[in-house]
C-alpha atoms as a PDB file:
ATOM      1  CA  UNK A   1      10.374 -19.370 -32.139  1.00  0.00           C
ATOM      2  CA  UNK A   2      13.068 -18.459 -29.970  1.00  0.00           C
ATOM      3  CA  UNK A   3      12.483 -17.446 -26.438  1.00  0.00           C
ATOM      4  CA  UNK A   4      14.281 -14.380 -26.853  1.00  0.00           C
ATOM      5  CA  UNK A   5      12.984 -13.649 -30.460  1.00  0.00           C
ATOM      6  CA  UNK A   6      11.573 -10.003 -30.275  1.00  0.00           C
ATOM      7  CA  UNK A   7       8.985 -11.242 -33.086  1.00  0.00           C
ATOM      8  CA  UNK A   8       7.651 -13.938 -30.224  1.00  0.00           C
ATOM      9  CA  UNK A   9       8.038 -11.758 -27.241  1.00  0.00           C
ATOM     10  CA  UNK A  10       5.639  -9.207 -29.195  1.00  0.00           C
ATOM     11  CA  UNK A  11       3.337 -12.088 -30.175  1.00  0.00           C
ATOM     12  CA  UNK A  12       3.054 -13.070 -26.237  1.00  0.00           C
ATOM     13  CA  UNK A  13       2.591  -9.447 -25.242  1.00  0.00           C
ATOM     14  CA  UNK A  14      -0.330  -8.895 -27.950  1.00  0.00           C
ATOM     15  CA  UNK A  15      -2.006 -12.118 -26.376  1.00  0.00           C
ATOM     16  CA  UNK A  16      -1.706 -11.187 -22.840  1.00  0.00           C
ATOM     17  CA  UNK A  17      -3.260  -7.780 -23.489  1.00  0.00           C
ATOM     18  CA  UNK A  18      -5.810  -9.364 -25.462  1.00  0.00           C
ATOM     19  CA  UNK A  19      -4.329  -7.637 -28.792  1.00  0.00           C
ATOM     20  CA  UNK A  20      -3.224 -10.735 -30.820  1.00  0.00           C
ATOM     21  CA  UNK A  21      -4.764 -10.402 -34.161  1.00  0.00           C
ATOM     22  CA  UNK A  22      -7.409 -13.262 -35.114  1.00  0.00           C
ATOM     23  CA  UNK A  23      -7.610 -13.908 -31.172  1.00  0.00           C
ATOM     24  CA  UNK A  24     -10.541 -11.548 -30.593  1.00  0.00           C
ATOM     25  CA  UNK A  25     -12.535 -13.687 -33.484  1.00  0.00           C
ATOM     26  CA  UNK A  26     -11.425 -16.776 -31.864  1.00  0.00           C
ATOM     27  CA  UNK A  27     -13.149 -15.876 -28.680  1.00  0.00           C
ATOM     28  CA  UNK A  28     -16.124 -14.822 -30.015  1.00  0.00           C
ATOM     29  CA  UNK A  29     -16.847 -17.973 -31.585  1.00  0.00           C
ATOM     30  CA  UNK A  30     -16.082 -20.152 -28.437  1.00  0.00           C
ATOM     31  CA  UNK A  31     -17.903 -17.223 -26.647  1.00  0.00           C
ATOM     32  CA  UNK A  32     -20.829 -18.215 -28.366  1.00  0.00           C
ATOM     33  CA  UNK A  33     -20.694 -21.833 -27.490  1.00  0.00           C
ATOM     34  CA  UNK A  34     -22.799 -22.326 -24.119  1.00  0.00           C
ATOM     35  CA  UNK A  35     -21.374 -23.368 -21.179  1.00  0.00           C
ATOM     36  CA  UNK A  36     -19.236 -22.630 -18.608  1.00  0.00           C
ATOM     37  CA  UNK A  37     -16.149 -22.491 -16.860  1.00  0.00           C
ATOM     38  CA  UNK A  38     -14.017 -21.810 -20.335  1.00  0.00           C
ATOM     39  CA  UNK A  39     -10.316 -21.391 -20.754  1.00  0.00           C
ATOM     40  CA  UNK A  40      -9.269 -18.210 -20.133  1.00  0.00           C
ATOM     41  CA  UNK A  41      -7.109 -17.563 -22.905  1.00  0.00           C
ATOM     42  CA  UNK A  42      -9.102 -18.888 -26.207  1.00  0.00           C
ATOM     43  CA  UNK A  43     -12.759 -19.217 -24.115  1.00  0.00           C
ATOM     44  CA  UNK A  44     -13.194 -23.300 -25.109  1.00  0.00           C
ATOM     45  CA  UNK A  45     -15.809 -23.793 -22.586  1.00  0.00           C
ATOM     46  CA  UNK A  46     -15.089 -27.344 -20.287  1.00  0.00           C
ATOM     47  CA  UNK A  47     -18.742 -27.482 -19.173  1.00  0.00           C
ATOM     48  CA  UNK A  48     -21.652 -29.504 -20.729  1.00  0.00           C
ATOM     49  CA  UNK A  49     -23.084 -28.893 -23.534  1.00  0.00           C
ATOM     50  CA  UNK A  50     -20.404 -27.044 -24.721  1.00  0.00           C
ATOM     51  CA  UNK A  51     -17.446 -29.153 -23.865  1.00  0.00           C
ATOM     52  CA  UNK A  52     -18.781 -32.232 -25.813  1.00  0.00           C
ATOM     53  CA  UNK A  53     -17.586 -29.863 -29.058  1.00  0.00           C
ATOM     54  CA  UNK A  54     -14.357 -28.982 -27.986  1.00  0.00           C
ATOM     55  CA  UNK A  55     -13.952 -32.822 -26.842  1.00  0.00           C
ATOM     56  CA  UNK A  56     -14.675 -33.336 -30.728  1.00  0.00           C
ATOM     57  CA  UNK A  57     -11.825 -31.210 -31.676  1.00  0.00           C
ATOM     58  CA  UNK A  58      -9.620 -33.131 -29.399  1.00  0.00           C
ATOM     59  CA  UNK A  59      -9.729 -30.697 -26.791  1.00  0.00           C
ATOM     60  CA  UNK A  60     -10.058 -30.727 -22.998  1.00  0.00           C
ATOM     61  CA  UNK A  61      -8.997 -28.586 -19.971  1.00  0.00           C
ATOM     62  CA  UNK A  62      -4.784 -29.063 -19.571  1.00  0.00           C
ATOM     63  CA  UNK A  63      -4.105 -31.538 -16.713  1.00  0.00           C
ATOM     64  CA  UNK A  64      -0.958 -29.048 -16.433  1.00  0.00           C
ATOM     65  CA  UNK A  65      -3.738 -26.005 -15.409  1.00  0.00           C
ATOM     66  CA  UNK A  66      -7.039 -26.762 -15.496  1.00  0.00           C
ATOM     67  CA  UNK A  67      -7.951 -22.820 -16.411  1.00  0.00           C
ATOM     68  CA  UNK A  68      -6.130 -23.271 -19.763  1.00  0.00           C
ATOM     69  CA  UNK A  69      -7.313 -25.891 -22.392  1.00  0.00           C
ATOM     70  CA  UNK A  70      -5.275 -28.445 -23.775  1.00  0.00           C
ATOM     71  CA  UNK A  71      -4.970 -26.579 -27.442  1.00  0.00           C
ATOM     72  CA  UNK A  72      -3.598 -23.617 -25.687  1.00  0.00           C
ATOM     73  CA  UNK A  73      -1.299 -25.398 -23.401  1.00  0.00           C
ATOM     74  CA  UNK A  74       0.668 -27.333 -26.701  1.00  0.00           C
ATOM     75  CA  UNK A  75       0.708 -23.463 -28.438  1.00  0.00           C
ATOM     76  CA  UNK A  76       2.262 -22.127 -25.431  1.00  0.00           C
ATOM     77  CA  UNK A  77       4.878 -25.017 -25.385  1.00  0.00           C
ATOM     78  CA  UNK A  78       5.325 -24.685 -29.079  1.00  0.00           C
ATOM     79  CA  UNK A  79       6.092 -20.799 -28.660  1.00  0.00           C
ATOM     80  CA  UNK A  80       8.043 -20.674 -25.415  1.00  0.00           C
ATOM     81  CA  UNK A  81       8.838 -17.666 -24.151  1.00  0.00           C
ATOM     82  CA  UNK A  82       7.138 -14.653 -22.385  1.00  0.00           C
ATOM     83  CA  UNK A  83       6.759 -10.762 -21.646  1.00  0.00           C
ATOM     84  CA  UNK A  84       6.895  -8.007 -19.533  1.00  0.00           C
ATOM     85  CA  UNK A  85       3.548  -6.765 -18.847  1.00  0.00           C
ATOM     86  CA  UNK A  86       1.309  -5.244 -15.932  1.00  0.00           C
ATOM     87  CA  UNK A  87      -0.119  -7.586 -13.386  1.00  0.00           C
ATOM     88  CA  UNK A  88      -2.159  -7.796 -10.181  1.00  0.00           C
ATOM     89  CA  UNK A  89      -1.064 -11.089  -8.176  1.00  0.00           C
ATOM     90  CA  UNK A  90      -3.493 -12.584  -5.402  1.00  0.00           C
ATOM     91  CA  UNK A  91      -2.213 -15.334  -2.868  1.00  0.00           C
ATOM     92  CA  UNK A  92      -3.986 -16.257  -0.134  1.00  0.00           C
ATOM     93  CA  UNK A  93      -3.107 -19.059   2.098  1.00  0.00           C
ATOM     94  CA  UNK A  94      -4.208 -20.545   5.385  1.00  0.00           C
ATOM     95  CA  UNK A  95      -3.546 -19.469   9.047  1.00  0.00           C
ATOM     96  CA  UNK A  96      -2.212 -21.610  11.742  1.00  0.00           C
ATOM     97  CA  UNK A  97      -2.672 -24.605   8.898  1.00  0.00           C
ATOM     98  CA  UNK A  98       0.268 -26.559  11.250  1.00  0.00           C
ATOM     99  CA  UNK A  99      -2.104 -26.647  14.220  1.00  0.00           C
ATOM    100  CA  UNK A 100      -5.174 -27.292  12.454  1.00  0.00           C
ATOM    101  CA  UNK A 101      -3.457 -30.216  10.874  1.00  0.00           C
ATOM    102  CA  UNK A 102      -2.403 -31.258  14.272  1.00  0.00           C
ATOM    103  CA  UNK A 103      -5.564 -31.568  15.552  1.00  0.00           C
ATOM    104  CA  UNK A 104      -7.695 -33.198  12.609  1.00  0.00           C
ATOM    105  CA  UNK A 105      -6.664 -36.547  11.182  1.00  0.00           C
ATOM    106  CA  UNK A 106      -4.672 -36.548   7.875  1.00  0.00           C
ATOM    107  CA  UNK A 107      -7.651 -37.359   5.658  1.00  0.00           C
ATOM    108  CA  UNK A 108     -10.223 -34.734   7.023  1.00  0.00           C
ATOM    109  CA  UNK A 109      -7.291 -31.850   6.391  1.00  0.00           C
ATOM    110  CA  UNK A 110      -6.925 -33.177   3.022  1.00  0.00           C
ATOM    111  CA  UNK A 111     -10.438 -32.456   2.640  1.00  0.00           C
ATOM    112  CA  UNK A 112     -10.584 -29.144   4.378  1.00  0.00           C
ATOM    113  CA  UNK A 113      -7.462 -27.860   1.744  1.00  0.00           C
ATOM    114  CA  UNK A 114      -9.383 -29.165  -1.142  1.00  0.00           C
ATOM    115  CA  UNK A 115     -12.557 -27.266  -0.114  1.00  0.00           C
ATOM    116  CA  UNK A 116     -10.301 -24.358  -0.215  1.00  0.00           C
ATOM    117  CA  UNK A 117      -8.675 -25.015  -3.140  1.00  0.00           C
ATOM    118  CA  UNK A 118     -12.069 -25.388  -4.855  1.00  0.00           C
ATOM    119  CA  UNK A 119     -13.920 -22.510  -3.389  1.00  0.00           C
ATOM    120  CA  UNK A 120     -11.073 -20.547  -3.985  1.00  0.00           C
ATOM    121  CA  UNK A 121     -10.424 -21.540  -8.174  1.00  0.00           C
ATOM    122  CA  UNK A 122     -14.270 -21.052  -8.461  1.00  0.00           C
ATOM    123  CA  UNK A 123     -14.079 -16.939  -6.803  1.00  0.00           C
ATOM    124  CA  UNK A 124     -10.659 -16.619  -9.022  1.00  0.00           C
ATOM    125  CA  UNK A 125     -12.359 -17.675 -11.795  1.00  0.00           C
ATOM    126  CA  UNK A 126     -15.496 -15.425 -11.442  1.00  0.00           C
ATOM    127  CA  UNK A 127     -13.556 -12.378 -11.238  1.00  0.00           C
ATOM    128  CA  UNK A 128     -11.364 -13.568 -14.526  1.00  0.00           C
ATOM    129  CA  UNK A 129      -7.769 -14.493 -12.879  1.00  0.00           C
ATOM    130  CA  UNK A 130      -6.150 -17.339 -13.701  1.00  0.00           C
ATOM    131  CA  UNK A 131      -4.871 -19.604 -10.869  1.00  0.00           C
ATOM    132  CA  UNK A 132      -1.544 -20.113 -11.215  1.00  0.00           C
ATOM    133  CA  UNK A 133      -0.972 -23.049  -8.747  1.00  0.00           C
ATOM    134  CA  UNK A 134      -2.001 -24.433  -5.122  1.00  0.00           C
ATOM    135  CA  UNK A 135       1.113 -25.070  -2.983  1.00  0.00           C
ATOM    136  CA  UNK A 136       0.280 -26.642   0.390  1.00  0.00           C
ATOM    137  CA  UNK A 137      -2.272 -24.366   1.952  1.00  0.00           C
ATOM    138  CA  UNK A 138      -1.150 -21.475  -0.458  1.00  0.00           C
ATOM    139  CA  UNK A 139      -3.611 -20.355  -3.195  1.00  0.00           C
ATOM    140  CA  UNK A 140      -1.844 -18.263  -6.051  1.00  0.00           C
ATOM    141  CA  UNK A 141      -3.882 -16.141  -8.658  1.00  0.00           C
ATOM    142  CA  UNK A 142      -2.951 -13.716 -11.521  1.00  0.00           C
ATOM    143  CA  UNK A 143      -5.548 -10.957 -13.299  1.00  0.00           C
ATOM    144  CA  UNK A 144      -3.536 -10.796 -16.258  1.00  0.00           C
ATOM    145  CA  UNK A 145      -5.044  -7.583 -18.379  1.00  0.00           C
ATOM    146  CA  UNK A 146      -5.862  -9.817 -21.516  1.00  0.00           C
ATOM    147  CA  UNK A 147      -8.578 -12.478 -19.611  1.00  0.00           C
ATOM    148  CA  UNK A 148      -9.163  -9.724 -16.775  1.00  0.00           C
ATOM    149  CA  UNK A 149      -9.363  -6.155 -18.688  1.00  0.00           C
ATOM    150  CA  UNK A 150      -7.311  -3.067 -17.370  1.00  0.00           C
ATOM    151  CA  UNK A 151      -9.475  -3.391 -14.048  1.00  0.00           C
ATOM    152  CA  UNK A 152      -7.519  -6.385 -13.181  1.00  0.00           C
ATOM    153  CA  UNK A 153      -6.137  -4.747  -9.826  1.00  0.00           C
ATOM    154  CA  UNK A 154     -10.048  -4.232  -8.699  1.00  0.00           C
ATOM    155  CA  UNK A 155     -10.941  -7.795  -9.896  1.00  0.00           C
ATOM    156  CA  UNK A 156      -8.229  -8.931  -7.751  1.00  0.00           C
ATOM    157  CA  UNK A 157      -9.194  -7.103  -4.663  1.00  0.00           C
ATOM    158  CA  UNK A 158     -13.248  -8.195  -5.421  1.00  0.00           C
ATOM    159  CA  UNK A 159     -11.960 -11.655  -5.615  1.00  0.00           C
ATOM    160  CA  UNK A 160     -10.124 -11.628  -2.556  1.00  0.00           C
ATOM    161  CA  UNK A 161     -13.128 -10.235  -0.435  1.00  0.00           C
ATOM    162  CA  UNK A 162     -15.314 -12.317  -2.092  1.00  0.00           C
ATOM    163  CA  UNK A 163     -12.907 -15.230  -0.868  1.00  0.00           C
ATOM    164  CA  UNK A 164     -12.829 -14.150   2.296  1.00  0.00           C
ATOM    165  CA  UNK A 165     -16.783 -14.223   2.443  1.00  0.00           C
ATOM    166  CA  UNK A 166     -16.787 -17.603   1.250  1.00  0.00           C
ATOM    167  CA  UNK A 167     -14.918 -18.893   3.682  1.00  0.00           C
ATOM    168  CA  UNK A 168     -17.212 -17.426   6.546  1.00  0.00           C
ATOM    169  CA  UNK A 169     -14.639 -14.292   7.716  1.00  0.00           C
ATOM    170  CA  UNK A 170     -17.668 -11.920   7.448  1.00  0.00           C
ATOM    171  CA  UNK A 171     -19.387 -13.560  10.210  1.00  0.00           C
ATOM    172  CA  UNK A 172     -16.464 -13.741  12.398  1.00  0.00           C
ATOM    173  CA  UNK A 173     -16.946 -17.763  12.374  1.00  0.00           C
ATOM    174  CA  UNK A 174     -14.639 -19.226   9.101  1.00  0.00           C
ATOM    175  CA  UNK A 175     -14.602 -22.673   7.991  1.00  0.00           C
ATOM    176  CA  UNK A 176     -10.929 -22.158   7.608  1.00  0.00           C
ATOM    177  CA  UNK A 177      -9.042 -18.916   8.330  1.00  0.00           C
ATOM    178  CA  UNK A 178      -7.121 -17.108   5.798  1.00  0.00           C
ATOM    179  CA  UNK A 179      -5.078 -14.124   5.179  1.00  0.00           C
ATOM    180  CA  UNK A 180      -4.169 -12.598   1.655  1.00  0.00           C
ATOM    181  CA  UNK A 181      -2.124  -9.838   0.015  1.00  0.00           C
ATOM    182  CA  UNK A 182      -2.444  -8.167  -3.399  1.00  0.00           C
ATOM    183  CA  UNK A 183       0.041  -6.027  -5.078  1.00  0.00           C
ATOM    184  CA  UNK A 184       0.413  -5.114  -8.666  1.00  0.00           C
ATOM    185  CA  UNK A 185       3.410  -4.217 -11.042  1.00  0.00           C
ATOM    186  CA  UNK A 186       5.666  -5.386 -13.632  1.00  0.00           C
ATOM    187  CA  UNK A 187       5.918  -9.303 -14.355  1.00  0.00           C
ATOM    188  CA  UNK A 188       7.815 -11.070 -16.834  1.00  0.00           C
ATOM    189  CA  UNK A 189       4.354 -13.517 -17.703  1.00  0.00           C
ATOM    190  CA  UNK A 190       4.517 -17.008 -20.051  1.00  0.00           C
ATOM    191  CA  UNK A 191       6.393 -20.334 -20.009  1.00  0.00           C
ATOM    192  CA  UNK A 192       9.175 -20.689 -17.522  1.00  0.00           C
ATOM    193  CA  UNK A 193      11.411 -23.898 -17.291  1.00  0.00           C
ATOM    194  CA  UNK A 194      12.694 -26.175 -19.413  1.00  0.00           C
ATOM    195  CA  UNK A 195      12.078 -29.881 -20.755  1.00  0.00           C
ATOM    196  CA  UNK A 196       9.592 -31.571 -19.249  1.00  0.00           C
ATOM    197  CA  UNK A 197       9.169 -29.135 -16.038  1.00  0.00           C
ATOM    198  CA  UNK A 198       7.871 -25.911 -18.198  1.00  0.00           C
ATOM    199  CA  UNK A 199       4.782 -23.873 -16.724  1.00  0.00           C
ATOM    200  CA  UNK A 200       2.500 -20.901 -17.722  1.00  0.00           C
ATOM    201  CA  UNK A 201       3.197 -18.428 -14.843  1.00  0.00           C
ATOM    202  CA  UNK A 202       4.697 -15.327 -13.359  1.00  0.00           C
ATOM    203  CA  UNK A 203       7.647 -14.037 -12.099  1.00  0.00           C
ATOM    204  CA  UNK A 204       9.883 -11.138 -10.531  1.00  0.00           C
ATOM    205  CA  UNK A 205       9.301  -8.512  -7.761  1.00  0.00           C
ATOM    206  CA  UNK A 206       5.337  -8.236  -8.099  1.00  0.00           C
ATOM    207  CA  UNK A 207       4.449 -11.892  -7.304  1.00  0.00           C
ATOM    208  CA  UNK A 208       7.463 -11.644  -4.448  1.00  0.00           C
ATOM    209  CA  UNK A 209       5.732  -8.693  -2.767  1.00  0.00           C
ATOM    210  CA  UNK A 210       2.262 -10.020  -2.907  1.00  0.00           C
ATOM    211  CA  UNK A 211       3.399 -13.091  -1.393  1.00  0.00           C
ATOM    212  CA  UNK A 212       5.219 -11.234   1.373  1.00  0.00           C
ATOM    213  CA  UNK A 213       2.466  -9.010   1.660  1.00  0.00           C
ATOM    214  CA  UNK A 214       0.671 -12.570   2.570  1.00  0.00           C
ATOM    215  CA  UNK A 215       2.802 -13.837   4.720  1.00  0.00           C
ATOM    216  CA  UNK A 216       2.051 -10.591   6.682  1.00  0.00           C
ATOM    217  CA  UNK A 217      -1.083 -10.305   6.955  1.00  0.00           C
ATOM    218  CA  UNK A 218      -3.163 -12.026  10.290  1.00  0.00           C
ATOM    219  CA  UNK A 219      -6.539 -14.239   9.982  1.00  0.00           C
ATOM    220  CA  UNK A 220      -8.986 -12.834   8.197  1.00  0.00           C
ATOM    221  CA  UNK A 221      -6.738  -9.655   6.693  1.00  0.00           C
ATOM    222  CA  UNK A 222      -6.364  -8.825   3.301  1.00  0.00           C
ATOM    223  CA  UNK A 223      -3.111  -6.822   2.898  1.00  0.00           C
ATOM    224  CA  UNK A 224      -3.397  -3.714  -0.088  1.00  0.00           C
ATOM    225  CA  UNK A 225      -0.487  -2.473  -1.442  1.00  0.00           C
ATOM    226  CA  UNK A 226      -0.318   0.696  -2.094  1.00  0.00           C
ATOM    227  CA  UNK A 227       0.160   0.762  -5.981  1.00  0.00           C
ATOM    228  CA  UNK A 228      -2.836  -1.823  -6.238  1.00  0.00           C
ATOM    229  CA  UNK A 229      -5.106   0.433  -3.831  1.00  0.00           C
ATOM    230  CA  UNK A 230      -4.637   3.294  -6.456  1.00  0.00           C
ATOM    231  CA  UNK A 231      -4.861   1.039  -9.601  1.00  0.00           C
ATOM    232  CA  UNK A 232      -8.095  -0.672  -8.247  1.00  0.00           C
ATOM    233  CA  UNK A 233      -9.625   3.402  -6.941  1.00  0.00           C
ATOM    234  CA  UNK A 234      -9.566   1.709  -3.783  1.00  0.00           C
ATOM    235  CA  UNK A 235     -11.593   3.755  -0.931  1.00  0.00           C
ATOM    236  CA  UNK A 236      -9.243   4.031   2.185  1.00  0.00           C
ATOM    237  CA  UNK A 237     -11.810   5.403   4.196  1.00  0.00           C
ATOM    238  CA  UNK A 238     -11.623   3.795   7.834  1.00  0.00           C
ATOM    239  CA  UNK A 239      -9.069   1.023   6.579  1.00  0.00           C
ATOM    240  CA  UNK A 240      -5.325   0.716   8.512  1.00  0.00           C
ATOM    241  CA  UNK A 241      -2.291   1.793   6.937  1.00  0.00           C
ATOM    242  CA  UNK A 242       0.791   0.089   7.199  1.00  0.00           C
ATOM    243  CA  UNK A 243       4.328   0.657   6.352  1.00  0.00           C
ATOM    244  CA  UNK A 244       5.703  -3.081   5.955  1.00  0.00           C
ATOM    245  CA  UNK A 245      10.008  -4.068   5.906  1.00  0.00           C
ATOM    246  CA  UNK A 246       8.878  -6.931   4.048  1.00  0.00           C
ATOM    247  CA  UNK A 247      11.696 -10.007   3.860  1.00  0.00           C
ATOM    248  CA  UNK A 248      14.071 -10.125   0.985  1.00  0.00           C
ATOM    249  CA  UNK A 249      13.032  -6.361   0.112  1.00  0.00           C
ATOM    250  CA  UNK A 250      15.076  -3.326   0.582  1.00  0.00           C
ATOM    251  CA  UNK A 251      12.245  -0.483   0.438  1.00  0.00           C
ATOM    252  CA  UNK A 252       9.337  -0.704   2.588  1.00  0.00           C
ATOM    253  CA  UNK A 253       6.239  -1.526   1.091  1.00  0.00           C
ATOM    254  CA  UNK A 254       2.854   0.998   1.906  1.00  0.00           C
ATOM    255  CA  UNK A 255      -0.084  -1.229   2.324  1.00  0.00           C
ATOM    256  CA  UNK A 256      -3.709  -1.120   3.457  1.00  0.00           C
ATOM    257  CA  UNK A 257      -5.163  -3.776   5.698  1.00  0.00           C
ATOM    258  CA  UNK A 258      -9.069  -4.942   5.135  1.00  0.00           C
ATOM    259  CA  UNK A 259     -11.149  -6.897   7.156  1.00  0.00           C
ATOM    260  CA  UNK A 260     -14.446  -7.704   5.961  1.00  0.00           C
ATOM    261  CA  UNK A 261     -17.510  -6.547   6.974  1.00  0.00           C
ATOM    262  CA  UNK A 262     -20.959  -6.689   5.805  1.00  0.00           C
ATOM    263  CA  UNK A 263     -20.595  -3.012   3.883  1.00  0.00           C
ATOM    264  CA  UNK A 264     -18.165  -5.250   1.359  1.00  0.00           C
ATOM    265  CA  UNK A 265     -20.310  -6.186  -0.982  1.00  0.00           C
ATOM    266  CA  UNK A 266     -18.849  -7.960  -4.666  1.00  0.00           C
ATOM    267  CA  UNK A 267     -19.473  -5.558  -7.570  1.00  0.00           C
ATOM    268  CA  UNK A 268     -18.743  -8.053 -10.276  1.00  0.00           C
END
């Protein structure tokens, strides 16, 4: 099917919203096989003992995206395209990474980033998000209705809080200093690229705004757009509100600033 085929676009929309006929039944079958983590699309198990079963079927975590199985990646590439849907994007990066790299050896800095990547991947997975990419000192995660449910905005906020907690920001002495930005809205989600350079990702103003919010966050801050705060049912009592003029955007963005404290416990 061509990327602009209306039928293909509708199938993508159904898949991304968790409404594709037959997908629920297949996910129930895969979900009955024990072990985690799992493919975010079909729930094929990646851990033992379930991974033995899917490997016998010629399936495994894809090297292109470790949170999606090779069978699903092949299907996505076979039917390239996507659809515009409501998603929540979470961007997190290391504050002051240049200074940290200057003060540490390349090997130690690499190990620090590897620990950050691993921690972020586990946290995002627990909150039903999907890691879109790791770029340098930055992690990008998507919370898509078909995987995270209708509460994808709340899941993204929960993941950001837990990641801050896992990296030690709750104690005020983090082992890696982070800042985060979250925004919800319509994005094109699907396969983007040509030839061998094809990726499953999201593009558009929503992800760009989340990235800009992250850039505006200080160490230990989670900047949550007012759109995400409303969608997540966030209690903004006592939170600082900022009106931000973000690079590349004509309209300012209203955001709430959350800093981790002992009162912000995970609720997943």
